[in-house]
Protein backbone atom coordinates (compact mmCIF):
# COMPACT_ATOMS: atom_id res chain seq x y z
CA UNK A 1 -7.25 21.25 -10.60
CA UNK A 2 -9.40 18.51 -8.95
CA UNK A 3 -9.13 17.86 -5.26
CA UNK A 4 -5.62 16.85 -4.17
CA UNK A 5 -5.45 13.27 -2.82
CA UNK A 6 -2.59 11.70 -0.93
CA UNK A 7 -2.93 7.92 -1.17
CA UNK A 8 0.08 7.17 1.10
CA UNK A 9 -0.72 8.46 4.62
CA UNK A 10 0.08 6.31 7.62
CA UNK A 11 -1.88 6.66 10.85
CA UNK A 12 -0.93 4.86 14.04
CA UNK A 13 -3.22 3.50 16.75
CA UNK A 14 -1.31 3.98 20.04
CA UNK A 15 -2.13 0.66 21.70
CA UNK A 16 -1.50 -1.33 18.54
CA UNK A 17 1.74 0.58 18.05
CA UNK A 18 2.90 -0.40 21.52
CA UNK A 19 1.85 -4.03 21.12
CA UNK A 20 3.88 -4.33 17.91
CA UNK A 21 6.89 -2.30 18.99
CA UNK A 22 9.23 -5.27 19.57
CA UNK A 23 7.88 -7.33 16.67
CA UNK A 24 8.50 -5.23 13.61
CA UNK A 25 11.34 -4.87 11.13
CA UNK A 26 12.93 -2.24 13.38
CA UNK A 27 13.66 -4.99 15.91
CA UNK A 28 14.59 -7.57 13.27
CA UNK A 29 11.06 -8.99 13.82
CA UNK A 30 11.85 -9.60 17.47
CA UNK A 31 15.52 -10.56 17.20
CA UNK A 32 16.86 -7.22 18.51
CA UNK A 33 15.08 -5.25 21.15
CA UNK A 34 14.47 -1.65 20.14
CA UNK A 35 14.79 1.50 22.22
CA UNK A 36 12.76 4.70 22.10
CA UNK A 37 12.77 6.38 18.67
CA UNK A 38 14.89 9.50 18.18
CA UNK A 39 13.19 12.69 19.44
CA UNK A 40 12.47 13.97 15.92
CA UNK A 41 11.10 10.63 14.78
CA UNK A 42 9.00 10.33 17.95
CA UNK A 43 7.40 13.70 17.29
CA UNK A 44 6.49 12.68 13.75
CA UNK A 45 5.02 9.40 14.89
CA UNK A 46 2.95 11.14 17.57
CA UNK A 47 1.48 13.54 14.97
CA UNK A 48 0.31 10.49 12.97
CA UNK A 49 -1.74 9.17 15.91
CA UNK A 50 -4.36 11.95 15.96
CA UNK A 51 -6.79 13.07 13.24
CA UNK A 52 -6.44 16.71 14.32
CA UNK A 53 -2.68 16.86 13.62
CA UNK A 54 -3.01 14.81 10.44
CA UNK A 55 -5.53 17.37 9.18
CA UNK A 56 -3.27 20.26 10.19
CA UNK A 57 -0.38 18.72 8.24
CA UNK A 58 -2.68 18.15 5.26
CA UNK A 59 -3.46 21.87 5.22
CA UNK A 60 0.25 22.70 5.39
CA UNK A 61 0.96 20.35 2.44
CA UNK A 62 -2.08 21.54 0.43
CA UNK A 63 -3.75 18.10 0.52
CA UNK A 64 -7.55 17.92 0.38
CA UNK A 65 -8.07 14.21 0.91
CA UNK A 66 -5.90 11.56 2.63
CA UNK A 67 -6.26 7.81 2.34
CA UNK A 68 -5.36 6.68 5.83
CA UNK A 69 -3.57 3.38 6.29
CA UNK A 70 -2.11 1.63 9.32
CA UNK A 71 1.66 1.34 9.00
CA UNK A 72 2.46 -2.29 8.08
CA UNK A 73 6.06 -1.43 8.99
CA UNK A 74 5.27 -0.17 12.50
CA UNK A 75 2.00 -2.01 13.15
CA UNK A 76 2.30 -5.27 11.22
CA UNK A 77 0.32 -7.84 13.25
CA UNK A 78 0.97 -11.18 11.53
CA UNK A 79 3.48 -12.08 14.30
CA UNK A 80 0.52 -12.65 16.65
CA UNK A 81 -1.69 -15.73 16.91
CA UNK A 82 -4.77 -15.46 14.62
CA UNK A 83 -7.19 -14.32 17.37
CA UNK A 84 -4.83 -11.65 18.66
CA UNK A 85 -4.07 -10.59 15.12
CA UNK A 86 -7.78 -10.13 14.51
CA UNK A 87 -8.24 -8.04 17.65
CA UNK A 88 -5.33 -5.74 16.77
CA UNK A 89 -6.68 -5.30 13.25
CA UNK A 90 -10.10 -4.44 14.66
CA UNK A 91 -8.58 -1.75 16.88
CA UNK A 92 -6.81 -0.13 13.96
CA UNK A 93 -9.88 -0.33 11.76
CA UNK A 94 -12.16 1.19 14.39
CA UNK A 95 -9.72 4.12 14.83
CA UNK A 96 -9.56 4.90 11.11
CA UNK A 97 -13.35 4.50 10.77
CA UNK A 98 -13.83 7.12 13.51
CA UNK A 99 -11.51 9.49 11.71
CA UNK A 100 -13.42 8.99 8.47
CA UNK A 101 -16.70 9.63 10.22
CA UNK A 102 -15.39 12.80 11.80
CA UNK A 103 -14.05 14.24 8.53
CA UNK A 104 -15.83 12.33 5.72
CA UNK A 105 -14.87 14.86 3.04
CA UNK A 106 -11.16 14.74 3.89
CA UNK A 107 -10.23 11.37 5.41
CA UNK A 108 -10.69 7.96 3.77
CA UNK A 109 -10.16 4.91 5.97
CA UNK A 110 -8.58 1.68 4.97
CA UNK A 111 -8.82 -1.69 6.77
CA UNK A 112 -6.14 -4.11 7.83
CA UNK A 113 -7.01 -7.78 8.02
CA UNK A 114 -5.74 -10.89 9.91
CA UNK A 115 -4.63 -12.51 6.67
CA UNK A 116 -3.04 -15.59 8.22
CA UNK A 117 -6.63 -16.84 8.66
CA UNK A 118 -8.80 -16.32 5.58
CA UNK A 119 -11.90 -17.06 7.66
CA UNK A 120 -11.07 -14.31 10.13
CA UNK A 121 -9.90 -11.95 7.36
CA UNK A 122 -13.20 -12.29 5.49
CA UNK A 123 -15.19 -11.79 8.71
CA UNK A 124 -13.36 -8.51 9.37
CA UNK A 125 -13.55 -7.49 5.71
CA UNK A 126 -17.34 -7.75 5.72
CA UNK A 127 -17.62 -5.98 9.09
CA UNK A 128 -15.51 -3.05 7.85
CA UNK A 129 -17.21 -2.82 4.48
CA UNK A 130 -20.78 -3.25 5.71
CA UNK A 131 -20.74 -1.69 9.21
CA UNK A 132 -17.95 0.85 9.01
CA UNK A 133 -18.19 1.86 5.31
CA UNK A 134 -14.48 1.24 4.72
CA UNK A 135 -13.86 0.64 1.01
CA UNK A 136 -10.06 0.28 0.96
CA UNK A 137 -7.96 -2.68 2.15
CA UNK A 138 -4.36 -2.15 3.35
CA UNK A 139 -2.34 -5.28 2.57
CA UNK A 140 1.23 -6.29 3.17
CA UNK A 141 3.08 -8.06 0.38
CA UNK A 142 3.21 -11.36 2.24
CA UNK A 143 1.97 -13.09 5.37
CA UNK A 144 3.96 -15.86 7.12
CA UNK A 145 6.09 -16.18 4.00
CA UNK A 146 3.12 -16.54 1.58
CA UNK A 147 2.94 -13.75 -0.98
CA UNK A 148 -0.52 -12.54 -1.61
CA UNK A 149 -0.87 -14.18 -5.00
CA UNK A 150 -0.63 -17.61 -3.36
CA UNK A 151 -3.65 -19.94 -3.84
CA UNK A 152 -4.15 -19.69 -0.05
CA UNK A 153 -5.66 -16.23 -0.63
CA UNK A 154 -7.93 -17.21 -3.55
CA UNK A 155 -11.20 -16.69 -1.63
CA UNK A 156 -10.00 -13.35 -0.35
CA UNK A 157 -9.40 -11.98 -3.85
CA UNK A 158 -12.77 -13.20 -5.02
CA UNK A 159 -14.43 -11.31 -2.14
CA UNK A 160 -12.47 -8.15 -2.94
CA UNK A 161 -13.58 -8.17 -6.54
CA UNK A 162 -17.17 -9.09 -5.69
CA UNK A 163 -17.43 -6.18 -3.24
CA UNK A 164 -15.64 -3.65 -5.51
CA UNK A 165 -13.03 -2.81 -2.87
CA UNK A 166 -9.72 -1.08 -3.53
CA UNK A 167 -6.50 -2.72 -2.31
CA UNK A 168 -3.47 -0.70 -1.25
CA UNK A 169 -0.32 -2.82 -0.93
CA UNK A 170 2.62 -1.72 1.24
CA UNK A 171 5.37 -4.05 2.54
CA UNK A 172 6.04 -4.58 6.26
CA UNK A 173 9.80 -4.90 5.72
CA UNK A 174 12.05 -7.80 4.76
CA UNK A 175 12.34 -10.92 6.92
CA UNK A 176 15.86 -11.79 5.68
CA UNK A 177 18.25 -10.55 8.47
CA UNK A 178 20.84 -9.52 5.85
CA UNK A 179 18.66 -6.49 5.10
CA UNK A 180 19.07 -5.23 8.67
CA UNK A 181 22.54 -4.03 7.66
CA UNK A 182 22.66 -0.29 6.92
CA UNK A 183 18.80 -0.15 7.03
CA UNK A 184 18.79 -1.89 3.63
CA UNK A 185 15.37 -3.33 4.49
CA UNK A 186 14.03 0.15 3.76
CA UNK A 187 16.27 1.59 1.06
CA UNK A 188 16.45 -1.63 -1.00
CA UNK A 189 14.22 -4.27 0.50
CA UNK A 190 10.81 -2.57 0.33
CA UNK A 191 11.07 -2.31 -3.44
CA UNK A 192 12.14 -5.96 -3.64
CA UNK A 193 9.06 -6.92 -1.65
CA UNK A 194 6.79 -4.96 -4.02
CA UNK A 195 8.48 -6.61 -6.95
CA UNK A 196 7.92 -10.11 -5.53
CA UNK A 197 4.32 -9.21 -4.68
CA UNK A 198 3.47 -8.10 -8.20
CA UNK A 199 5.13 -11.23 -9.63
CA UNK A 200 3.12 -13.37 -7.26
CA UNK A 201 -0.18 -11.76 -8.27
CA UNK A 202 0.59 -12.12 -11.96
CA UNK A 203 2.26 -15.53 -12.12
CA UNK A 204 -0.20 -17.20 -9.74
CA UNK A 205 -3.08 -15.99 -11.89
CA UNK A 206 -4.86 -13.55 -9.58
CA UNK A 207 -4.77 -10.79 -12.20
CA UNK A 208 -6.17 -13.18 -14.80
CA UNK A 209 -8.96 -14.62 -12.65
CA UNK A 210 -9.99 -11.27 -11.18
CA UNK A 211 -9.59 -8.73 -14.00
CA UNK A 212 -11.62 -6.04 -12.25
CA UNK A 213 -9.40 -5.66 -9.20
CA UNK A 214 -8.24 -2.19 -8.21
CA UNK A 215 -4.79 -2.63 -6.72
CA UNK A 216 -2.56 0.33 -5.84
CA UNK A 217 1.11 -0.48 -5.31
CA UNK A 218 3.20 1.61 -2.94
CA UNK A 219 6.50 3.14 -4.05
CA UNK A 220 5.71 2.85 -7.74
CA UNK A 221 5.59 -0.94 -7.59
CA UNK A 222 9.26 -1.23 -6.68
CA UNK A 223 11.57 -2.56 -9.38
CA UNK A 224 8.96 -4.69 -11.15
CA UNK A 225 7.78 -2.17 -13.84
CA UNK A 226 11.38 -1.49 -14.86
CA UNK A 227 12.55 -4.92 -15.80
CA UNK A 228 9.98 -6.31 -18.21
CA UNK A 229 12.42 -7.25 -20.95
CA UNK A 230 13.94 -10.12 -18.99
CA UNK A 231 10.61 -11.37 -17.68
CA UNK A 232 8.99 -11.37 -21.13
CA UNK A 233 12.01 -12.95 -22.78
CA UNK A 234 11.93 -15.78 -20.25
CA UNK A 235 8.45 -16.76 -21.42
CA UNK A 236 9.87 -17.59 -24.90
CA UNK A 237 12.18 -20.20 -23.38
CA UNK A 238 9.79 -21.34 -20.66
CA UNK A 239 6.20 -21.06 -21.90
CA UNK A 240 5.13 -23.11 -18.86
CA UNK A 241 5.85 -20.08 -16.67
CA UNK A 242 2.85 -18.20 -18.04
CA UNK A 243 0.31 -20.99 -17.62
CA UNK A 244 -1.79 -18.74 -15.31
CA UNK A 245 -1.69 -15.68 -17.59
CA UNK A 246 -4.16 -16.71 -20.26
CA UNK A 247 -1.59 -16.53 -23.03
CA UNK A 248 -0.23 -13.07 -22.02
CA UNK A 249 3.29 -12.01 -21.07
CA UNK A 250 4.04 -10.42 -17.67
CA UNK A 251 4.31 -6.94 -19.13
CA UNK A 252 0.69 -7.18 -20.31
CA UNK A 253 -0.45 -6.82 -16.70
CA UNK A 254 1.44 -3.64 -15.84
CA UNK A 255 -1.55 -1.51 -16.74
CA UNK A 256 -3.81 -3.67 -14.53
CA UNK A 257 -2.23 -2.06 -11.46
CA UNK A 258 -2.16 1.43 -10.11
CA UNK A 259 0.96 2.93 -8.61
CA UNK A 260 1.72 5.70 -6.17
CA UNK A 261 4.31 8.27 -7.23
CA UNK A 262 6.43 7.94 -4.08
CA UNK A 263 9.68 7.07 -5.87
CA UNK A 264 11.88 10.02 -4.91
CA UNK A 265 13.44 10.29 -8.37
CA UNK A 266 11.96 12.20 -11.35
CA UNK A 267 13.71 9.91 -13.87
CA UNK A 268 12.17 6.83 -12.28
CA UNK A 269 8.75 8.44 -12.28
CA UNK A 270 9.10 9.50 -15.93
CA UNK A 271 9.90 5.89 -16.90
CA UNK A 272 6.92 4.64 -14.92
CA UNK A 273 4.65 7.18 -16.68
CA UNK A 274 6.02 5.99 -20.05
CA UNK A 275 5.39 2.34 -19.12
CA UNK A 276 1.88 2.55 -17.68
CA UNK A 277 0.50 5.99 -18.54
CA UNK A 278 -0.51 8.87 -16.25
CA UNK A 279 -3.93 7.36 -15.73
CA UNK A 280 -2.37 4.59 -13.56
CA UNK A 281 -0.58 6.91 -11.10
CA UNK A 282 -1.70 8.48 -7.83
CA UNK A 283 0.09 10.86 -5.52
CA UNK A 284 1.64 9.38 -2.37
CA UNK A 285 3.81 11.20 0.27
CA UNK A 286 4.55 8.45 2.78
CA UNK A 287 3.34 10.68 5.64
CA UNK A 288 4.55 11.31 8.33
CA UNK A 289 7.93 10.70 6.75
CA UNK A 290 8.73 10.88 3.04
CA UNK A 291 8.05 13.83 0.75
CA UNK A 292 7.10 16.94 2.73
CA UNK A 293 5.43 18.72 -0.18
CA UNK A 294 4.31 16.10 -2.70
CA UNK A 295 2.30 18.54 -4.84
CA UNK A 296 5.33 20.80 -5.27
CA UNK A 297 7.57 17.84 -6.05
CA UNK A 298 5.23 16.61 -8.80
CA UNK A 299 4.73 20.15 -10.12
CA UNK A 300 8.50 20.53 -10.49
CA UNK A 301 8.52 17.76 -13.14
CA UNK A 302 6.82 20.10 -15.63
CA UNK A 303 4.14 17.63 -16.59
CA UNK A 304 1.29 18.76 -18.83
CA UNK A 305 -1.55 20.23 -16.77
CA UNK A 306 -3.95 17.33 -17.48
CA UNK A 307 -1.30 14.79 -16.47
CA UNK A 308 -0.48 16.64 -13.27
CA UNK A 309 -4.16 17.00 -12.34
CA UNK A 310 -4.68 13.28 -12.89
CA UNK A 311 -1.81 12.22 -10.69
CA UNK A 312 -2.34 14.68 -7.80
CA UNK A 313 -6.02 13.80 -7.43
CA UNK A 314 -8.12 12.89 -10.47
CA UNK A 315 -7.05 9.27 -10.71
CA UNK A 316 -7.44 8.61 -7.00
CA UNK A 317 -10.94 10.12 -6.97
CA UNK A 318 -11.97 7.77 -9.76
CA UNK A 319 -10.47 4.75 -8.06
CA UNK A 320 -12.24 5.61 -4.80
CA UNK A 321 -15.40 6.67 -6.62
CA UNK A 322 -15.41 10.07 -4.91
CA UNK A 323 -16.61 13.39 -6.32
CA UNK A 324 -13.98 15.67 -7.77
């Protein structure tokens, strides 16, 4: 088996976490003040603030390499003005870069960007890529209501492709207050956000204009990969809807994305494998919450050895251009 890679590992920066505490989905994006997290949750969050404890937990879970990402749910910064947004992103990025430098064989940093300003986002992108050697970008699905396929982000995607960077997309929650009921923002809404994001990237033409992008979708891409029949059928009645797809149908682009296996349901994962192939999947645990032993969970599915090896590490190592 190649090295085991967890692509879905959140790490918090304490000062950014505090700055965002009353602005995230947990507070209804500022509508409802939040109290201290429950003791168990607080302990988990604190473990995700320090490289030493992250590495300890990796050893416990038999993980060799973790791709570290700021939590867009707990540390989403697009509520701030552009300059403050940029400063908060810089803090998170500097923290993850330090972790990567301290454990370069085990920790891979990703960058967050102040995407409400493309000028500031590109400035931070180049700083992280050139000065900090960060090769992964951690995006939300949307910023200020604009999904990331919107033409507003055109120059960003060109820069990503030109610099051969990997993009990891994870939602920050759902703005619609209805989803605050019963914590539906998490159980239902995150997958809706991923579905809308993939549709945005395909229908707005990003996947056509930038065919060499390496995009990894959290949570198996949400519902999008599982509902292609209706999307493709709609193109027969409305050919104008695929004007940015170079003559292709939406399902054609499924294999242009990568997906983490953090779907919590073997049946769902089996369908995803059937749709896109094992070479498009990576392991993701959603640390510090989520699957406690992602390798054991995937092993329980009785996949062929080559398929299991690819998902638990081989595919991620290729995406990240790391040695196996």
